[in-house]
Amino acid sequence: MAVKERVGTVVSNKMDKTVVVAVENRVPHPKYGKTIVKTKRYKAHDANNECQIGDRIRIRETRPLSKTKRWMVVETLSHAADL
């Protein structure tokens, strides 16, 4: 079975060892065909509290770590200051 990975932007880092990541998915509207941007938010485990708001990161699915946390940070692709 393939491991699920997503790339998104950190939108919140106020929790201890947890970040909220917004992942955008562009899909065509089923009837009209216009491209719509759908956003899904995932809570991801950030063991070292190193992610900052605006960072572009890669997350990977893992076992349930808490009631809502099922993802973990794999790598930081770019920092907010780099943008």
Protein backbone atom coordinates (compact mmCIF):
# COMPACT_ATOMS: atom_id res chain seq x y z
CA MET A 1 0.00 0.00 0.00
CA ALA A 2 1.33 3.43 -0.95
CA VAL A 3 2.12 5.99 1.73
CA LYS A 4 -0.01 9.13 1.46
CA GLU A 5 1.94 12.39 1.30
CA ARG A 6 0.70 15.95 0.88
CA VAL A 7 2.40 19.32 0.39
CA GLY A 8 0.85 22.34 2.09
CA THR A 9 1.32 25.58 3.96
CA VAL A 10 1.44 25.95 7.74
CA VAL A 11 -1.48 28.12 8.88
CA SER A 12 -1.17 27.65 12.65
CA ASN A 13 1.58 26.59 15.06
CA LYS A 14 0.03 27.62 18.38
CA MET A 15 -0.21 24.08 19.74
CA ASP A 16 2.70 22.22 21.31
CA LYS A 17 4.30 19.81 18.79
CA THR A 18 1.38 20.25 16.38
CA VAL A 19 0.89 22.38 13.27
CA VAL A 20 -2.17 22.92 11.11
CA VAL A 21 -1.41 22.51 7.41
CA ALA A 22 -3.68 23.78 4.61
CA VAL A 23 -3.45 21.66 1.46
CA GLU A 24 -4.93 23.12 -1.74
CA ASN A 25 -6.44 20.87 -4.39
CA ARG A 26 -7.49 22.29 -7.77
CA VAL A 27 -10.35 20.39 -9.40
CA PRO A 28 -12.71 21.20 -12.27
CA HIS A 29 -16.34 21.88 -11.36
CA PRO A 30 -18.36 18.74 -12.25
CA LYS A 31 -20.90 20.62 -14.40
CA TYR A 32 -19.32 23.88 -15.51
CA GLY A 33 -15.67 22.87 -15.81
CA LYS A 34 -14.26 25.97 -14.07
CA THR A 35 -11.27 25.19 -11.87
CA ILE A 36 -12.13 25.50 -8.18
CA VAL A 37 -9.63 25.54 -5.32
CA LYS A 38 -10.61 23.21 -2.49
CA THR A 39 -8.68 23.54 0.77
CA LYS A 40 -8.38 20.82 3.40
CA ARG A 41 -6.70 21.34 6.76
CA TYR A 42 -4.67 18.61 8.46
CA LYS A 43 -3.16 18.54 11.95
CA ALA A 44 0.41 17.25 11.75
CA HIS A 45 2.96 16.24 14.37
CA ASP A 46 5.97 18.60 14.53
CA ALA A 47 8.24 16.96 17.11
CA ASN A 48 10.77 19.81 17.38
CA ASN A 49 8.35 22.77 17.08
CA GLU A 50 10.40 24.03 14.14
CA CYS A 51 7.64 24.91 11.63
CA GLN A 52 6.55 28.54 11.38
CA ILE A 53 3.41 30.05 9.85
CA GLY A 54 3.81 30.33 6.09
CA ASP A 55 6.33 27.49 5.74
CA ARG A 56 5.78 25.07 2.84
CA ILE A 57 6.05 21.52 4.21
CA ARG A 58 5.53 17.89 3.23
CA ILE A 59 3.41 15.73 5.54
CA ARG A 60 2.97 11.95 5.64
CA GLU A 61 0.06 9.88 6.97
CA THR A 62 0.79 7.92 10.13
CA ARG A 63 -0.99 6.05 12.91
CA PRO A 64 -3.41 8.08 15.06
CA LEU A 65 -1.35 10.26 17.41
CA SER A 66 -4.31 11.96 19.11
CA LYS A 67 -8.03 12.50 18.58
CA THR A 68 -7.53 14.55 15.40
CA LYS A 69 -3.83 14.18 14.54
CA ARG A 70 -3.00 11.53 11.89
CA TRP A 71 -0.13 13.17 9.96
CA MET A 72 3.51 13.98 10.66
CA VAL A 73 5.91 16.54 9.19
CA VAL A 74 8.45 14.90 6.87
CA GLU A 75 10.42 17.91 5.60
CA THR A 76 10.33 21.66 5.22
CA LEU A 77 10.43 22.63 1.55
CA SER A 78 10.72 26.40 2.06
CA HIS A 79 10.58 28.79 4.98
CA ALA A 80 8.22 31.76 5.22
CA ALA A 81 11.15 34.18 5.08
CA ASP A 82 12.30 32.67 1.75
CA LEU A 83 9.08 33.61 -0.03
